[in-house]
Amino acid sequence: MTTRPSYKSAFLRLFVAVTGLLASVLDLLAGAVRLVVSAVRWVAASLERDARRMAPKVQGRVLEAAPAVQAPASAPVDEEKLRGALVGLGYQLGRVRAFTASCRGRTEGLDVLVKEGIRKLSAN
């Protein structure tokens, strides 16, 4: 009498085979990732060596940065910018012109004068 293999044992063998295949594929992918990482490290090291070799050799010299250019502290306010900012906020041109005329010769920053203009023009 011959015995037929049961479906349960066939399914179990298939499951073991698929699981083994999946484990092999994951192992292959991990190896590929390790290979890519080592290649990137090798390229980075060679670029670093080239950069060090090509960098200018500074021996005992201190390089000083150029001083930053700053606007003079006593620069008068730009009336056109102040007028444009306040008119752009929706205030009437005549009232804005009167305010900017009163600011002529002042040395505060534009942001300070715009805030003051908003306060004064909103109060009326």
N, C-alpha and C. Protein backbone atom coordinates (compact mmCIF):
# COMPACT_ATOMS: atom_id res chain seq x y z
N MET A 1 0.83 -1.16 0.00
CA MET A 1 0.00 0.00 0.00
C MET A 1 0.89 1.24 0.00
N THR A 2 0.56 2.16 -0.85
CA THR A 2 1.36 3.39 -0.95
C THR A 2 0.69 4.47 -0.12
N THR A 3 1.53 5.31 0.48
CA THR A 3 0.99 6.41 1.28
C THR A 3 1.15 7.71 0.50
N ARG A 4 0.10 8.43 0.49
CA ARG A 4 0.14 9.74 -0.18
C ARG A 4 0.61 10.78 0.82
N PRO A 5 1.42 11.73 0.38
CA PRO A 5 1.83 12.78 1.32
C PRO A 5 0.63 13.66 1.65
N SER A 6 0.56 14.05 2.87
CA SER A 6 -0.57 14.88 3.27
C SER A 6 -0.36 16.33 2.83
N TYR A 7 -1.44 17.04 2.76
CA TYR A 7 -1.34 18.44 2.36
C TYR A 7 -0.63 19.27 3.41
N LYS A 8 -0.77 18.87 4.66
CA LYS A 8 -0.11 19.61 5.74
C LYS A 8 1.40 19.53 5.63
N SER A 9 1.92 18.39 5.36
CA SER A 9 3.37 18.25 5.25
C SER A 9 3.89 18.96 3.99
N ALA A 10 3.13 18.95 2.91
CA ALA A 10 3.54 19.66 1.70
C ALA A 10 3.55 21.17 1.94
N PHE A 11 2.53 21.65 2.64
CA PHE A 11 2.48 23.07 2.96
C PHE A 11 3.64 23.46 3.88
N LEU A 12 3.98 22.62 4.83
CA LEU A 12 5.07 22.89 5.75
C LEU A 12 6.40 22.95 5.00
N ARG A 13 6.62 22.03 4.07
CA ARG A 13 7.86 22.06 3.28
C ARG A 13 7.93 23.32 2.42
N LEU A 14 6.80 23.72 1.84
CA LEU A 14 6.77 24.94 1.04
C LEU A 14 7.07 26.16 1.90
N PHE A 15 6.49 26.21 3.09
CA PHE A 15 6.73 27.32 4.00
C PHE A 15 8.20 27.40 4.39
N VAL A 16 8.83 26.27 4.69
CA VAL A 16 10.25 26.24 5.06
C VAL A 16 11.10 26.70 3.89
N ALA A 17 10.76 26.28 2.67
CA ALA A 17 11.53 26.67 1.49
C ALA A 17 11.42 28.17 1.23
N VAL A 18 10.21 28.72 1.34
CA VAL A 18 10.01 30.15 1.12
C VAL A 18 10.73 30.96 2.19
N THR A 19 10.66 30.52 3.43
CA THR A 19 11.34 31.22 4.52
C THR A 19 12.85 31.20 4.31
N GLY A 20 13.40 30.07 3.89
CA GLY A 20 14.84 29.98 3.59
C GLY A 20 15.23 30.90 2.45
N LEU A 21 14.39 30.96 1.42
CA LEU A 21 14.66 31.85 0.29
C LEU A 21 14.64 33.31 0.73
N LEU A 22 13.66 33.67 1.55
CA LEU A 22 13.57 35.04 2.05
C LEU A 22 14.79 35.40 2.89
N ALA A 23 15.24 34.48 3.73
CA ALA A 23 16.43 34.73 4.55
C ALA A 23 17.66 34.90 3.67
N SER A 24 17.77 34.13 2.60
CA SER A 24 18.91 34.25 1.69
C SER A 24 18.90 35.59 0.96
N VAL A 25 17.72 36.02 0.54
CA VAL A 25 17.60 37.31 -0.16
C VAL A 25 17.97 38.45 0.79
N LEU A 26 17.50 38.39 2.03
CA LEU A 26 17.85 39.44 3.00
C LEU A 26 19.34 39.46 3.29
N ASP A 27 19.96 38.29 3.36
CA ASP A 27 21.41 38.22 3.57
C ASP A 27 22.15 38.82 2.39
N LEU A 28 21.66 38.57 1.18
CA LEU A 28 22.26 39.15 -0.02
C LEU A 28 22.14 40.68 0.00
N LEU A 29 20.98 41.20 0.37
CA LEU A 29 20.79 42.66 0.44
C LEU A 29 21.69 43.28 1.49
N ALA A 30 21.86 42.62 2.64
CA ALA A 30 22.74 43.15 3.68
C ALA A 30 24.18 43.20 3.18
N GLY A 31 24.60 42.19 2.44
CA GLY A 31 25.94 42.20 1.86
C GLY A 31 26.12 43.33 0.86
N ALA A 32 25.08 43.59 0.07
CA ALA A 32 25.15 44.69 -0.90
C ALA A 32 25.26 46.03 -0.20
N VAL A 33 24.52 46.20 0.90
CA VAL A 33 24.60 47.45 1.66
C VAL A 33 25.99 47.63 2.25
N ARG A 34 26.57 46.54 2.79
CA ARG A 34 27.94 46.64 3.34
C ARG A 34 28.93 47.02 2.25
N LEU A 35 28.74 46.47 1.05
CA LEU A 35 29.62 46.80 -0.08
C LEU A 35 29.51 48.27 -0.46
N VAL A 36 28.30 48.79 -0.51
CA VAL A 36 28.10 50.20 -0.86
C VAL A 36 28.71 51.10 0.20
N VAL A 37 28.53 50.77 1.47
CA VAL A 37 29.09 51.58 2.55
C VAL A 37 30.60 51.61 2.47
N SER A 38 31.23 50.47 2.22
CA SER A 38 32.69 50.47 2.13
C SER A 38 33.16 51.25 0.90
N ALA A 39 32.43 51.19 -0.20
CA ALA A 39 32.80 51.97 -1.38
C ALA A 39 32.69 53.46 -1.12
N VAL A 40 31.65 53.89 -0.42
CA VAL A 40 31.49 55.31 -0.10
C VAL A 40 32.60 55.77 0.83
N ARG A 41 32.96 54.95 1.81
CA ARG A 41 34.07 55.32 2.71
C ARG A 41 35.37 55.45 1.93
N TRP A 42 35.62 54.54 0.97
CA TRP A 42 36.84 54.60 0.20
C TRP A 42 36.89 55.87 -0.65
N VAL A 43 35.77 56.22 -1.28
CA VAL A 43 35.71 57.43 -2.09
C VAL A 43 35.90 58.67 -1.23
N ALA A 44 35.27 58.70 -0.05
CA ALA A 44 35.41 59.86 0.83
C ALA A 44 36.84 60.01 1.30
N ALA A 45 37.50 58.91 1.61
CA ALA A 45 38.89 58.98 2.06
C ALA A 45 39.79 59.48 0.93
N SER A 46 39.55 59.02 -0.29
CA SER A 46 40.40 59.48 -1.39
C SER A 46 40.15 60.96 -1.69
N LEU A 47 38.90 61.42 -1.59
CA LEU A 47 38.62 62.84 -1.79
C LEU A 47 39.27 63.69 -0.71
N GLU A 48 39.26 63.19 0.52
CA GLU A 48 39.89 63.93 1.61
C GLU A 48 41.40 64.01 1.41
N ARG A 49 42.01 62.91 0.95
CA ARG A 49 43.45 62.93 0.67
C ARG A 49 43.76 63.93 -0.43
N ASP A 50 42.96 63.93 -1.49
CA ASP A 50 43.18 64.87 -2.59
C ASP A 50 43.02 66.32 -2.12
N ALA A 51 42.02 66.57 -1.29
CA ALA A 51 41.79 67.93 -0.80
C ALA A 51 42.96 68.39 0.06
N ARG A 52 43.48 67.50 0.91
CA ARG A 52 44.63 67.88 1.74
C ARG A 52 45.86 68.13 0.88
N ARG A 53 46.03 67.33 -0.16
CA ARG A 53 47.20 67.48 -1.02
C ARG A 53 47.13 68.78 -1.82
N MET A 54 45.92 69.16 -2.25
CA MET A 54 45.78 70.34 -3.10
C MET A 54 45.59 71.63 -2.32
N ALA A 55 45.35 71.54 -1.02
CA ALA A 55 45.12 72.73 -0.21
C ALA A 55 46.40 73.55 -0.13
N PRO A 56 46.28 74.87 -0.16
CA PRO A 56 47.49 75.69 -0.05
C PRO A 56 48.11 75.54 1.33
N LYS A 57 49.40 75.52 1.34
CA LYS A 57 50.12 75.34 2.60
C LYS A 57 50.36 76.71 3.22
N VAL A 58 49.79 76.95 4.39
CA VAL A 58 49.97 78.20 5.10
C VAL A 58 50.91 77.91 6.26
N GLN A 59 52.07 78.57 6.23
CA GLN A 59 53.05 78.30 7.27
C GLN A 59 53.26 79.55 8.11
N GLY A 60 52.71 79.54 9.30
CA GLY A 60 52.94 80.62 10.24
C GLY A 60 52.23 81.92 9.92
N ARG A 61 51.41 81.94 8.91
CA ARG A 61 50.69 83.17 8.58
C ARG A 61 49.29 83.09 9.14
N VAL A 62 48.84 84.20 9.66
CA VAL A 62 47.48 84.29 10.16
C VAL A 62 46.68 85.09 9.15
N LEU A 63 45.64 84.47 8.63
CA LEU A 63 44.79 85.16 7.67
C LEU A 63 43.72 85.92 8.42
N GLU A 64 43.60 87.19 8.14
CA GLU A 64 42.61 88.02 8.82
C GLU A 64 41.45 88.28 7.87
N ALA A 65 40.27 88.22 8.42
CA ALA A 65 39.08 88.49 7.63
C ALA A 65 38.94 89.99 7.43
N ALA A 66 38.38 90.36 6.31
CA ALA A 66 38.14 91.77 6.04
C ALA A 66 37.05 92.27 6.98
N PRO A 67 37.17 93.50 7.46
CA PRO A 67 36.14 94.01 8.37
C PRO A 67 34.81 94.16 7.64
N ALA A 68 33.76 93.88 8.35
CA ALA A 68 32.43 93.98 7.78
C ALA A 68 32.06 95.45 7.55
N VAL A 69 31.45 95.72 6.43
CA VAL A 69 31.04 97.08 6.11
C VAL A 69 29.71 97.34 6.80
N GLN A 70 29.69 98.39 7.60
CA GLN A 70 28.47 98.73 8.32
C GLN A 70 28.01 100.12 7.89
N ALA A 71 26.72 100.30 7.92
CA ALA A 71 26.17 101.60 7.59
C ALA A 71 26.52 102.57 8.71
N PRO A 72 26.76 103.82 8.39
CA PRO A 72 27.07 104.77 9.44
C PRO A 72 25.91 104.88 10.43
N ALA A 73 26.24 105.05 11.69
CA ALA A 73 25.22 105.08 12.73
C ALA A 73 24.33 106.30 12.62
N SER A 74 24.84 107.36 12.02
CA SER A 74 24.07 108.60 11.96
C SER A 74 23.48 108.85 10.57
N ALA A 75 23.16 107.79 9.84
CA ALA A 75 22.60 107.97 8.50
C ALA A 75 21.16 108.46 8.63
N PRO A 76 20.81 109.50 7.88
CA PRO A 76 19.43 109.99 7.96
C PRO A 76 18.47 108.96 7.36
N VAL A 77 17.23 109.05 7.77
CA VAL A 77 16.23 108.10 7.32
C VAL A 77 15.92 108.33 5.84
N ASP A 78 15.70 107.25 5.11
CA ASP A 78 15.32 107.33 3.70
C ASP A 78 13.81 107.56 3.66
N GLU A 79 13.42 108.79 3.31
CA GLU A 79 12.01 109.17 3.35
C GLU A 79 11.17 108.38 2.37
N GLU A 80 11.73 108.02 1.22
CA GLU A 80 10.97 107.27 0.22
C GLU A 80 10.61 105.87 0.74
N LYS A 81 11.55 105.23 1.42
CA LYS A 81 11.27 103.90 1.96
C LYS A 81 10.23 103.98 3.07
N LEU A 82 10.36 105.00 3.91
CA LEU A 82 9.40 105.17 5.01
C LEU A 82 8.01 105.47 4.45
N ARG A 83 7.95 106.34 3.48
CA ARG A 83 6.67 106.70 2.86
C ARG A 83 6.06 105.48 2.17
N GLY A 84 6.86 104.72 1.44
CA GLY A 84 6.37 103.53 0.75
C GLY A 84 5.85 102.48 1.72
N ALA A 85 6.55 102.32 2.85
CA ALA A 85 6.11 101.33 3.83
C ALA A 85 4.76 101.71 4.44
N LEU A 86 4.61 102.97 4.79
CA LEU A 86 3.37 103.39 5.44
C LEU A 86 2.20 103.46 4.47
N VAL A 87 2.44 103.89 3.23
CA VAL A 87 1.37 103.90 2.23
C VAL A 87 0.98 102.47 1.88
N GLY A 88 1.97 101.56 1.84
CA GLY A 88 1.70 100.16 1.57
C GLY A 88 0.84 99.51 2.64
N LEU A 89 0.89 100.05 3.85
CA LEU A 89 0.05 99.54 4.93
C LEU A 89 -1.37 100.09 4.87
N GLY A 90 -1.62 101.04 3.94
CA GLY A 90 -2.99 101.52 3.73
C GLY A 90 -3.28 102.89 4.31
N TYR A 91 -2.29 103.61 4.77
CA TYR A 91 -2.52 104.95 5.31
C TYR A 91 -2.59 105.95 4.17
N GLN A 92 -3.29 107.07 4.40
CA GLN A 92 -3.48 108.08 3.36
C GLN A 92 -2.18 108.81 3.07
N LEU A 93 -1.96 109.10 1.79
CA LEU A 93 -0.69 109.67 1.33
C LEU A 93 -0.41 111.02 1.97
N GLY A 94 -1.40 111.89 2.12
CA GLY A 94 -1.18 113.21 2.70
C GLY A 94 -0.71 113.13 4.15
N ARG A 95 -1.36 112.28 4.93
CA ARG A 95 -0.96 112.13 6.33
C ARG A 95 0.42 111.49 6.45
N VAL A 96 0.73 110.56 5.53
CA VAL A 96 2.04 109.90 5.54
C VAL A 96 3.13 110.91 5.19
N ARG A 97 2.86 111.79 4.20
CA ARG A 97 3.85 112.81 3.83
C ARG A 97 4.12 113.75 5.00
N ALA A 98 3.08 114.12 5.73
CA ALA A 98 3.27 114.99 6.89
C ALA A 98 4.12 114.31 7.95
N PHE A 99 3.88 113.03 8.16
CA PHE A 99 4.68 112.30 9.16
C PHE A 99 6.13 112.17 8.71
N THR A 100 6.36 111.82 7.43
CA THR A 100 7.74 111.67 6.96
C THR A 100 8.48 113.00 6.98
N ALA A 101 7.78 114.10 6.76
CA ALA A 101 8.43 115.42 6.85
C ALA A 101 8.86 115.70 8.28
N SER A 102 8.08 115.23 9.26
CA SER A 102 8.46 115.46 10.65
C SER A 102 9.63 114.57 11.06
N CYS A 103 9.89 113.51 10.31
CA CYS A 103 10.99 112.59 10.63
C CYS A 103 12.29 112.97 9.93
N ARG A 104 12.28 114.04 9.15
CA ARG A 104 13.47 114.42 8.39
C ARG A 104 14.62 114.73 9.34
N GLY A 105 15.78 114.12 9.07
CA GLY A 105 16.97 114.36 9.88
C GLY A 105 17.13 113.39 11.04
N ARG A 106 16.16 112.54 11.30
CA ARG A 106 16.27 111.58 12.41
C ARG A 106 17.16 110.42 11.99
N THR A 107 17.83 109.81 12.96
CA THR A 107 18.80 108.76 12.65
C THR A 107 18.39 107.38 13.15
N GLU A 108 17.17 107.21 13.65
CA GLU A 108 16.74 105.88 14.08
C GLU A 108 16.59 104.98 12.86
N GLY A 109 16.49 103.71 13.13
CA GLY A 109 16.31 102.75 12.05
C GLY A 109 14.93 102.86 11.43
N LEU A 110 14.82 102.33 10.22
CA LEU A 110 13.56 102.40 9.49
C LEU A 110 12.45 101.66 10.24
N ASP A 111 12.78 100.53 10.86
CA ASP A 111 11.76 99.77 11.57
C ASP A 111 11.18 100.55 12.74
N VAL A 112 12.03 101.30 13.43
CA VAL A 112 11.56 102.11 14.57
C VAL A 112 10.62 103.21 14.08
N LEU A 113 10.99 103.86 12.98
CA LEU A 113 10.15 104.94 12.46
C LEU A 113 8.84 104.41 11.88
N VAL A 114 8.86 103.22 11.29
CA VAL A 114 7.61 102.64 10.77
C VAL A 114 6.67 102.34 11.93
N LYS A 115 7.19 101.78 13.01
CA LYS A 115 6.35 101.50 14.18
C LYS A 115 5.77 102.78 14.76
N GLU A 116 6.61 103.82 14.85
CA GLU A 116 6.13 105.11 15.37
C GLU A 116 5.07 105.70 14.44
N GLY A 117 5.31 105.56 13.11
CA GLY A 117 4.33 106.06 12.16
C GLY A 117 3.00 105.34 12.26
N ILE A 118 3.04 104.04 12.49
CA ILE A 118 1.80 103.28 12.65
C ILE A 118 1.05 103.77 13.87
N ARG A 119 1.78 103.99 14.96
CA ARG A 119 1.13 104.49 16.20
C ARG A 119 0.50 105.85 15.98
N LYS A 120 1.27 106.78 15.35
CA LYS A 120 0.75 108.13 15.18
C LYS A 120 -0.39 108.20 14.19
N LEU A 121 -0.25 107.46 13.07
CA LEU A 121 -1.28 107.52 12.04
C LEU A 121 -2.55 106.78 12.46
N SER A 122 -2.42 105.80 13.31
CA SER A 122 -3.58 105.05 13.80
C SER A 122 -4.32 105.83 14.88
N ALA A 123 -3.61 106.70 15.58
CA ALA A 123 -4.23 107.46 16.69
C ALA A 123 -5.21 108.49 16.16
N ASN A 124 -4.98 109.02 14.98
CA ASN A 124 -5.86 110.08 14.46
C ASN A 124 -7.07 109.54 13.78
